Structures are given as structure tokens and as C-alpha cells.
Amino acid sequence: MTFAILLHGWHDGENVETDKEAMPERVKPPFRADHVGSLIRPDALIEAREAADKGEIPPAELIRIQHDAIRAVVRMQEQLGLRLVTDGEYNRFSWQRDFLLKIGNVKNMPSRLTVRFHSAAGSRDHTPPSLQVVGKLTRPAGIFIDDFKFLVSVARATAKITIPSPSIVHFRGGRDAIDAEAYPEMDAFYDDLAAVYRAEIRDLAAAGCRYLQIDEVNLAYLCDPELRRQVANIGEDPATLPKTYARLLNAAIAEKPADMTVCMHLCRGNFAGAWIADGGYEPIADLLFNAIDVDGYFLEYDSARAGGFEPLRFLPKDKIAVLGLVTTKSPQMESKDALKRRIDAASRYAPLDRLALSPQCGFSSGIGGNAMTVDDEIKKLELVVETARDVWGG
């Protein structure tokens, strides 16, 4: 099916119509058809992790099973026509804790924030584990370096790795979760945290990584009035935190190689089809697109909770917005025509050649709680690839 509707771009402040045949194929990430990262873990992998946790199989056997599963999921992504592959986060229990708890002197603690998960089945309150800093931050060893080395060794497409945003170390606990003896001044805390990330990114680059994604939930949470109120209740200023986190993120990626693409994924919570936050990007749009030195943004746009496309007017000419129009919260399939109409609507605020398409989030933020089957996941990824091909060619 050809993309027959007119697509609108902006050139020197004037609205112009753009034919999709003129759209350049992207030869570097983010790609026109992309995805956020996590993929549904096969049952055999989940069972192996559970057995390893109980001491029923040795760690080496778990690694062997993980590697076999990663080889298979890499082939699946490549066969679908994706130009990137991830390891599906198959080496992790969750998208964030496996990374953050390997930072020296970062520990789990009860959260001071209560979040309300919403889904088609209803709502429930949850107080997720938070993090506390009990001493000076260190990086005792590489965190995801070996994981990336294995991924790139079995991939023909561009290998992408995802890491959680450094802002998570601060957000749920605030100042009170940071050891005051180790860090009497918060500037030193942020400096040390950024240094841990710079060291990890340096070693990832040395291992060949040229596509890195930072998963950032807190900037999106700060667009939600209720979460802003809770942040104020723990003594933080929700009006200034976005600027603080922007500086932290810039410091974390300050030494990345010039040929490494760094993207940011923004999410309002995602587990078993449930979400946490509401609110469009408008409160942070200018800062998000113009004060944070990443190359692209994976933007959640699968429901009205994310607001309209108007914030895309702040997107600068050298950055890409990947529209998360395909939901991972439900197996219900979107139609190509509906996706194309939404891409057209977005192109009224940012040119088509600065847009791309993906699911709104990963398919499995942790072990268990999936909203669909592997077959559903494959159909969703196929839809992304086919729609992108219709819209941008290539």
C-alpha cells in the first residue's frame, strides 16, 4: 500500500508538502523502524533464571541458556528487517536494577513515593523499591560491558544497548536518600554519578558500541501534576529538577565518541500493560529537545495520556524524534492507515525526515507480567517495519 496522503514539513519557517520518495534513508541510528529494547523472555530463560536463583543450576549454565536465547532473538530482529538489534535485556531481571545496583554504594531501600498503576483492569497503589546512596559512588567493574561484547559478536545489524538514566538514583528518595557524610553538597554527588556513567560509556565505546539508549522515566513523570506534588512532599522542587537532570545527563555523556549515537527513551511507566503517569511533554519540551545533548528521542505516543504532537515544534534540525505509536500495553493491533495518519499529524510540527517509528516502550520491562505473547510481539515489530517502509521508503 502506498503512502498517498500528503506529509507536511517545515523549512525556514514555512509549511511545505513533502513527497515520501524524497525522504533519505537513514544510514545511522535511530532508524526509521526502531524499537525501544526489551523483548519478551522465552519460558525456558525464565525457568533457568529461577533455577539459578535457587542454586539448582550453576551460573555458567544460566549464561549458556541466556546466550542461546539472545542468539535466537537477534536472528528474529534481523529477519524482520530491523537495522538494529538488542539482546532483549535477556541478561537482566529488570530494566534498571541490574545496572544501578552494581554501582558501588548504591543499595535498595523502601520508596518514599507511592505510585498508582493504571490499566484496563483498574488501578492499584504501589510503593516500588527505591535506591539509597550509602557512601561515595564508585564503579568497581564494568557493568554491561560483557553483555554488549556478546551481543555485538552475534549481531549483523547495528547492536544497541540500553541503560537506565542516572536520574533514577536520585528521584524516588531525594536528598534524604543520599548519605550526607559522603555528600554534604549535592553537586559532588551528581559529579560522581556522572563519572560512573562516563566510565561505563567509555568502555562500551571501546567494545564497539555506537548506539546507546538511556531510559529516562523521571522527566516524563515530572509532567504529571500528582507526581510533581509527591516530589514536593519529599522536599524536592519539581520545577527545578528537570534542569538538574538535564545537567546530569549531559555530564554523563560528555565524553562519548563523536560517532556514537545516544538516544533517550521517555516513559510514563510500563508493566504488564499498566502505567503510572499522565501528561504531555509540553512542560519540558524546550528543555528536553534543546538542553539535553542526545541525538534522538523515543517518545511515548500510544495514547492520549502522552498529549499531542505540538511539543515537537521545539525539535531542532539535527535531532530525530522516534514516535512510539505502536503500543506494547495490549496485543490489539494498530492499523497501518491509522499509524500513517498519526505520522502525518506529527509532521505538521516537525519535518518527516526528522521522524521515525517504534513501539512506545519495551515489550518486557522485567521478568514476567507481559501484556502479550511472543507472536503478538513479532506482529507488532513487523507492523513497525512495514509502516516505516511505506512512509519513508528503503
Protein backbone atom coordinates (compact mmCIF):
# COMPACT_ATOMS: atom_id res chain seq x y z
CA MET A 1 0.00 0.00 0.00
CA THR A 2 1.47 3.36 -0.98
CA PHE A 3 1.54 6.32 1.33
CA ALA A 4 -0.87 8.53 -0.54
CA ILE A 5 -1.61 11.30 1.93
CA LEU A 6 0.42 14.50 1.90
CA LEU A 7 3.05 14.87 4.57
CA HIS A 8 3.90 18.22 5.97
CA GLY A 9 7.34 19.55 6.92
CA TRP A 10 8.86 22.85 7.92
CA HIS A 11 11.56 24.65 6.00
CA ASP A 12 12.79 28.09 7.04
CA GLY A 13 9.59 28.61 8.96
CA GLU A 14 7.29 27.77 6.04
CA ASN A 15 4.95 24.80 5.79
CA VAL A 16 5.88 22.70 2.78
CA GLU A 17 4.48 19.48 1.37
CA THR A 18 6.99 16.66 1.16
CA ASP A 19 6.80 13.55 -1.00
CA LYS A 20 7.92 10.42 0.78
CA GLU A 21 10.01 9.41 -2.24
CA ALA A 22 12.36 12.30 -1.41
CA MET A 23 12.93 11.12 2.15
CA PRO A 24 16.50 9.98 2.72
CA GLU A 25 17.06 6.53 4.11
CA ARG A 26 18.76 6.76 7.50
CA VAL A 27 22.14 5.06 7.46
CA LYS A 28 22.80 5.66 11.13
CA PRO A 29 20.58 5.31 14.19
CA PRO A 30 17.95 5.94 15.21
CA PHE A 31 16.47 4.14 12.23
CA ARG A 32 13.12 4.77 10.55
CA ALA A 33 11.89 1.47 12.02
CA ASP A 34 13.32 1.09 15.51
CA HIS A 35 12.34 -0.34 18.87
CA VAL A 36 12.98 0.53 22.49
CA GLY A 37 14.90 -2.55 23.59
CA SER A 38 13.36 -5.11 25.91
CA LEU A 39 11.71 -8.19 24.42
CA ILE A 40 9.56 -10.93 25.92
CA ARG A 41 11.73 -13.57 27.54
CA PRO A 42 11.12 -17.17 26.49
CA ASP A 43 9.79 -19.50 29.19
CA ALA A 44 12.98 -21.58 29.16
CA LEU A 45 15.03 -18.50 30.03
CA ILE A 46 12.72 -17.51 32.89
CA GLU A 47 12.81 -21.06 34.26
CA ALA A 48 16.60 -21.13 34.04
CA ARG A 49 16.94 -17.88 35.97
CA GLU A 50 14.60 -19.18 38.67
CA ALA A 51 16.61 -22.40 38.88
CA ALA A 52 19.88 -20.47 39.12
CA ASP A 53 18.46 -18.29 41.91
CA LYS A 54 17.63 -21.47 43.84
CA GLY A 55 21.07 -22.93 43.23
CA GLU A 56 19.67 -25.73 41.09
CA ILE A 57 21.90 -24.94 38.10
CA PRO A 58 25.38 -23.35 38.10
CA PRO A 59 25.88 -19.75 36.89
CA ALA A 60 27.71 -20.97 33.79
CA GLU A 61 24.64 -22.96 32.70
CA LEU A 62 22.42 -19.89 33.09
CA ILE A 63 24.82 -17.87 30.95
CA ARG A 64 24.78 -20.58 28.28
CA ILE A 65 20.97 -20.55 28.20
CA GLN A 66 20.91 -16.75 28.09
CA HIS A 67 23.37 -16.69 25.19
CA ASP A 68 21.34 -19.22 23.22
CA ALA A 69 18.18 -17.13 23.76
CA ILE A 70 19.98 -13.94 22.71
CA ARG A 71 21.26 -15.56 19.51
CA ALA A 72 17.71 -16.53 18.63
CA VAL A 73 16.17 -13.13 19.39
CA VAL A 74 18.90 -11.34 17.44
CA ARG A 75 18.13 -13.50 14.39
CA MET A 76 14.41 -12.76 14.83
CA GLN A 77 15.02 -8.99 14.75
CA GLU A 78 17.28 -9.22 11.71
CA GLN A 79 14.83 -11.45 9.82
CA LEU A 80 12.08 -8.86 10.40
CA GLY A 81 14.22 -6.31 8.55
CA LEU A 82 15.21 -4.20 11.54
CA ARG A 83 18.51 -2.40 11.15
CA LEU A 84 19.22 -2.59 14.85
CA VAL A 85 19.20 -5.43 17.33
CA THR A 86 19.20 -5.57 21.12
CA ASP A 87 19.74 -8.54 23.42
CA GLY A 88 16.15 -8.10 24.59
CA GLU A 89 17.57 -7.35 28.06
CA TYR A 90 17.64 -11.12 28.49
CA ASN A 91 20.60 -10.86 30.89
CA ARG A 92 18.60 -8.75 33.34
CA PHE A 93 15.94 -9.22 35.98
CA SER A 94 14.68 -5.67 35.37
CA TRP A 95 15.47 -2.78 33.04
CA GLN A 96 17.06 -0.72 35.82
CA ARG A 97 18.14 -2.58 38.94
CA ASP A 98 20.70 -4.89 37.30
CA PHE A 99 22.65 -1.80 36.27
CA LEU A 100 22.11 0.60 39.16
CA LEU A 101 22.78 -1.87 41.99
CA LYS A 102 26.22 -2.59 40.51
CA ILE A 103 27.27 0.99 41.20
CA GLY A 104 29.35 0.98 44.36
CA ASN A 105 27.44 2.10 47.49
CA VAL A 106 24.01 2.07 45.84
CA LYS A 107 21.55 -0.07 47.79
CA ASN A 108 17.84 -0.85 47.77
CA MET A 109 15.56 0.94 50.23
CA PRO A 110 11.79 1.37 50.65
CA SER A 111 10.49 4.14 48.43
CA ARG A 112 9.09 7.37 49.81
CA LEU A 113 6.96 7.78 46.70
CA THR A 114 3.67 5.95 46.18
CA VAL A 115 2.73 5.47 42.56
CA ARG A 116 -0.62 4.40 41.17
CA PHE A 117 -0.52 1.88 38.34
CA HIS A 118 -3.41 2.13 35.89
CA SER A 119 -4.53 -0.49 33.40
CA ALA A 120 -7.62 -1.71 31.62
CA ALA A 121 -8.30 -3.88 34.67
CA GLY A 122 -8.30 -0.93 37.09
CA SER A 123 -5.85 0.90 39.35
CA ARG A 124 -3.68 -0.06 42.31
CA ASP A 125 -1.22 1.78 44.51
CA HIS A 126 2.36 0.55 44.67
CA THR A 127 5.43 1.69 46.55
CA PRO A 128 8.30 0.39 44.42
CA PRO A 129 11.77 -0.20 45.85
CA SER A 130 13.95 2.87 45.73
CA LEU A 131 17.68 3.42 45.91
CA GLN A 132 19.87 4.92 48.58
CA VAL A 133 23.46 6.04 48.38
CA VAL A 134 25.35 4.87 51.47
CA GLY A 135 28.81 6.15 50.60
CA LYS A 136 30.92 7.57 47.79
CA LEU A 137 29.78 6.32 44.40
CA THR A 138 32.22 4.06 42.57
CA ARG A 139 32.30 1.75 39.57
CA PRO A 140 34.05 -1.39 40.83
CA ALA A 141 33.90 -3.01 37.40
CA GLY A 142 32.28 -2.74 34.00
CA ILE A 143 28.53 -3.15 34.34
CA PHE A 144 27.09 -4.09 30.93
CA ILE A 145 30.38 -4.33 29.04
CA ASP A 146 30.45 -8.13 28.75
CA ASP A 147 26.76 -8.15 27.80
CA PHE A 148 27.45 -5.79 24.93
CA LYS A 149 30.53 -7.72 23.79
CA PHE A 150 28.44 -10.85 23.42
CA LEU A 151 25.63 -9.02 21.63
CA VAL A 152 27.92 -7.44 19.06
CA SER A 153 29.65 -10.78 18.49
CA VAL A 154 26.41 -12.41 17.28
CA ALA A 155 24.81 -9.43 15.50
CA ARG A 156 24.95 -8.49 11.85
CA ALA A 157 22.73 -5.42 12.30
CA THR A 158 23.70 -2.45 14.46
CA ALA A 159 23.87 -3.53 18.11
CA LYS A 160 22.06 -1.24 20.55
CA ILE A 161 22.37 -1.40 24.31
CA THR A 162 20.08 0.30 26.82
CA ILE A 163 20.97 1.64 30.25
CA PRO A 164 18.80 3.30 32.91
CA SER A 165 19.07 7.03 33.40
CA PRO A 166 21.29 8.26 36.24
CA SER A 167 18.37 10.39 37.46
CA ILE A 168 16.80 7.22 38.93
CA VAL A 169 19.47 7.12 41.63
CA HIS A 170 18.05 10.38 42.99
CA PHE A 171 14.38 10.65 42.05
CA ARG A 172 12.45 8.33 44.36
CA GLY A 173 14.36 9.10 47.55
CA GLY A 174 15.54 12.64 47.00
CA ARG A 175 18.17 14.31 49.14
CA ASP A 176 17.34 12.19 52.20
CA ALA A 177 18.41 9.01 50.37
CA ILE A 178 21.90 10.40 49.72
CA ASP A 179 24.43 9.89 52.52
CA ALA A 180 25.07 13.36 53.93
CA GLU A 181 28.51 12.42 55.25
CA ALA A 182 29.67 11.19 51.86
CA TYR A 183 27.93 14.05 50.07
CA PRO A 184 27.37 17.13 52.20
CA GLU A 185 26.92 19.02 48.93
CA MET A 186 24.71 17.58 46.18
CA ASP A 187 26.93 18.89 43.39
CA ALA A 188 29.59 16.36 44.39
CA PHE A 189 27.01 13.55 44.29
CA TYR A 190 25.94 14.46 40.76
CA ASP A 191 29.59 14.80 39.68
CA ASP A 192 30.46 11.31 40.95
CA LEU A 193 27.32 9.77 39.45
CA ALA A 194 28.09 11.27 36.06
CA ALA A 195 31.66 9.99 36.31
CA VAL A 196 30.41 6.41 36.79
CA TYR A 197 28.37 6.75 33.60
CA ARG A 198 31.22 8.32 31.65
CA ALA A 199 33.47 5.40 32.57
CA GLU A 200 30.83 2.86 31.51
CA ILE A 201 30.20 4.66 28.22
CA ARG A 202 33.94 4.89 27.56
CA ASP A 203 34.30 1.13 27.96
CA LEU A 204 31.20 0.43 25.88
CA ALA A 205 32.69 2.57 23.12
CA ALA A 206 35.96 0.66 23.33
CA ALA A 207 33.95 -2.56 22.92
CA GLY A 208 32.47 -1.20 19.69
CA CYS A 209 29.20 0.32 20.89
CA ARG A 210 27.94 3.06 18.59
CA TYR A 211 24.25 3.01 19.55
CA LEU A 212 23.34 3.69 23.17
CA GLN A 213 19.94 4.39 24.66
CA ILE A 214 19.29 5.98 28.05
CA ASP A 215 15.94 5.03 29.56
CA GLU A 216 14.58 8.12 31.32
CA VAL A 217 11.25 7.94 33.14
CA ASN A 218 11.55 10.79 35.59
CA LEU A 219 11.36 13.69 33.14
CA ALA A 220 8.07 12.26 31.88
CA TYR A 221 6.88 11.72 35.46
CA LEU A 222 7.55 15.40 36.15
CA CYS A 223 4.88 16.28 33.59
CA ASP A 224 2.25 14.67 35.83
CA PRO A 225 0.72 17.04 38.44
CA GLU A 226 0.22 14.27 41.02
CA LEU A 227 3.82 13.07 40.81
CA ARG A 228 5.04 16.66 40.96
CA ARG A 229 3.09 17.02 44.21
CA GLN A 230 4.70 13.90 45.65
CA VAL A 231 8.15 15.14 44.66
CA ALA A 232 7.46 18.37 46.54
CA ASN A 233 6.35 16.32 49.56
CA ILE A 234 9.80 14.72 49.86
CA GLY A 235 11.48 18.11 49.81
CA GLU A 236 12.44 18.40 46.15
CA ASP A 237 11.46 21.18 43.77
CA PRO A 238 9.65 19.72 40.73
CA ALA A 239 10.17 22.99 38.86
CA THR A 240 13.97 22.81 39.01
CA LEU A 241 14.56 19.04 38.87
CA PRO A 242 14.28 18.84 35.05
CA LYS A 243 17.16 21.31 34.72
CA THR A 244 19.18 19.40 37.31
CA TYR A 245 18.61 16.13 35.48
CA ALA A 246 19.46 17.72 32.13
CA ARG A 247 22.83 18.80 33.50
CA LEU A 248 23.39 15.33 34.95
CA LEU A 249 22.58 13.63 31.66
CA ASN A 250 24.87 15.96 29.72
CA ALA A 251 27.71 15.33 32.15
CA ALA A 252 27.13 11.56 31.88
CA ILE A 253 27.53 11.52 28.08
CA ALA A 254 30.03 14.36 27.79
CA GLU A 255 32.89 12.12 26.63
CA LYS A 256 31.03 9.88 24.20
CA PRO A 257 32.76 9.40 20.84
CA ALA A 258 31.58 11.68 18.07
CA ASP A 259 30.38 8.67 16.05
CA MET A 260 28.29 7.20 18.89
CA THR A 261 24.55 7.87 18.68
CA VAL A 262 22.92 8.40 22.06
CA CYS A 263 19.15 8.43 22.29
CA MET A 264 16.79 8.91 25.21
CA HIS A 265 13.61 6.95 25.80
CA LEU A 266 10.89 8.65 27.82
CA CYS A 267 8.27 6.51 29.51
CA ARG A 268 5.35 7.01 31.88
CA GLY A 269 5.67 3.57 33.44
CA ASN A 270 5.17 0.20 31.80
CA PHE A 271 4.50 -3.12 33.48
CA ALA A 272 2.02 -5.81 32.44
CA GLY A 273 0.05 -3.27 30.41
CA ALA A 274 -0.11 -0.78 33.29
CA TRP A 275 1.22 2.77 33.50
CA ILE A 276 1.89 5.39 36.16
CA ALA A 277 1.97 8.93 34.82
CA ASP A 278 -0.22 11.17 32.68
CA GLY A 279 0.60 14.43 30.95
CA GLY A 280 2.01 15.65 27.66
CA TYR A 281 5.59 16.78 27.02
CA GLU A 282 4.77 20.49 26.89
CA PRO A 283 6.15 21.40 30.38
CA ILE A 284 9.62 20.04 29.50
CA ALA A 285 9.64 20.20 25.68
CA ASP A 286 12.05 23.08 25.13
CA LEU A 287 14.48 21.77 27.75
CA LEU A 288 14.12 18.18 26.55
CA PHE A 289 14.86 18.89 22.91
CA ASN A 290 17.30 21.78 23.21
CA ALA A 291 19.14 21.48 26.54
CA ILE A 292 19.96 17.76 26.57
CA ASP A 293 22.76 16.73 24.22
CA VAL A 294 21.35 13.48 22.86
CA ASP A 295 20.81 12.68 19.20
CA GLY A 296 17.26 11.39 19.32
CA TYR A 297 14.21 10.70 21.46
CA PHE A 298 11.97 7.67 21.75
CA LEU A 299 8.69 9.30 22.67
CA GLU A 300 5.70 7.50 24.14
CA TYR A 301 2.73 8.40 21.95
CA ASP A 302 0.45 5.38 22.01
CA SER A 303 -2.41 7.02 23.91
CA ALA A 304 -3.95 10.36 24.80
CA ARG A 305 -2.04 10.24 28.12
CA ALA A 306 1.04 11.49 26.27
CA GLY A 307 -0.71 14.58 24.90
CA GLY A 308 -0.48 15.92 21.38
CA PHE A 309 2.36 16.36 18.92
CA GLU A 310 2.63 20.15 19.45
CA PRO A 311 5.81 19.84 21.61
CA LEU A 312 7.63 18.55 18.52
CA ARG A 313 7.79 22.15 17.31
CA PHE A 314 10.81 22.51 19.63
CA LEU A 315 12.72 19.67 17.93
CA PRO A 316 15.93 21.10 16.42
CA LYS A 317 17.12 20.33 12.90
CA ASP A 318 19.87 17.93 13.97
CA LYS A 319 17.76 15.57 16.11
CA ILE A 320 15.30 12.73 15.46
CA ALA A 321 12.01 12.05 17.23
CA VAL A 322 11.04 8.38 17.16
CA LEU A 323 7.27 8.25 17.51
CA GLY A 324 6.14 5.46 19.84
CA LEU A 325 2.78 4.93 18.17
CA VAL A 326 2.56 1.14 18.47
CA THR A 327 1.57 0.08 21.97
CA THR A 328 3.24 -2.68 23.97
CA LYS A 329 0.48 -2.50 26.59
CA SER A 330 -2.02 -4.52 24.58
CA PRO A 331 -1.92 -7.22 21.90
CA GLN A 332 -4.53 -5.33 19.90
CA MET A 333 -3.00 -4.45 16.55
CA GLU A 334 -2.93 -0.93 15.19
CA SER A 335 -3.75 -0.42 11.53
CA LYS A 336 -1.21 0.90 9.05
CA ASP A 337 -3.60 3.59 7.93
CA ALA A 338 -4.10 4.84 11.47
CA LEU A 339 -0.35 4.93 12.05
CA LYS A 340 0.19 6.85 8.82
CA ARG A 341 -2.43 9.39 9.77
CA ARG A 342 -0.71 9.94 13.11
CA ILE A 343 2.70 10.30 11.45
CA ASP A 344 1.13 12.85 9.14
CA ALA A 345 -0.25 14.73 12.15
CA ALA A 346 3.17 14.75 13.81
CA SER A 347 4.82 16.01 10.61
CA ARG A 348 2.85 19.24 10.95
CA TYR A 349 5.16 20.14 13.84
CA ALA A 350 8.45 18.50 12.79
CA PRO A 351 9.56 17.57 9.26
CA LEU A 352 9.03 13.99 8.17
CA ASP A 353 12.75 13.47 7.66
CA ARG A 354 13.29 14.10 11.38
CA LEU A 355 10.74 11.48 12.42
CA ALA A 356 10.83 7.70 12.81
CA LEU A 357 8.56 4.95 14.18
CA SER A 358 8.73 2.47 17.05
CA PRO A 359 6.66 0.86 19.80
CA GLN A 360 6.06 3.23 22.71
CA CYS A 361 8.11 1.16 25.18
CA GLY A 362 9.84 -2.16 25.55
CA PHE A 363 7.83 -5.37 25.49
CA SER A 364 9.05 -6.63 28.87
CA SER A 365 10.40 -4.24 31.49
CA GLY A 366 11.35 -7.20 33.68
CA ILE A 367 10.75 -10.88 34.14
CA GLY A 368 7.04 -11.72 33.95
CA GLY A 369 3.99 -9.54 33.61
CA ASN A 370 3.87 -9.46 29.81
CA ALA A 371 0.85 -7.94 28.10
CA MET A 372 1.05 -10.20 25.03
CA THR A 373 2.63 -13.30 23.54
CA VAL A 374 5.86 -13.54 21.56
CA ASP A 375 3.78 -13.97 18.39
CA ASP A 376 1.97 -10.71 19.20
CA GLU A 377 5.31 -9.00 19.76
CA ILE A 378 6.60 -10.17 16.37
CA LYS A 379 3.45 -8.90 14.65
CA LYS A 380 3.90 -5.50 16.31
CA LEU A 381 7.53 -5.27 15.18
CA GLU A 382 6.56 -6.35 11.66
CA LEU A 383 3.96 -3.59 11.62
CA VAL A 384 6.61 -1.02 12.57
CA VAL A 385 8.95 -2.21 9.80
CA GLU A 386 6.26 -2.35 7.12
CA THR A 387 4.74 1.02 8.02
CA ALA A 388 8.13 2.71 8.07
CA ARG A 389 8.93 1.23 4.68
CA ASP A 390 5.65 2.57 3.29
CA VAL A 391 6.23 6.04 4.73
CA TRP A 392 9.95 6.61 4.24
CA GLY A 393 10.89 4.01 1.64
CA GLY A 394 14.08 1.97 1.85
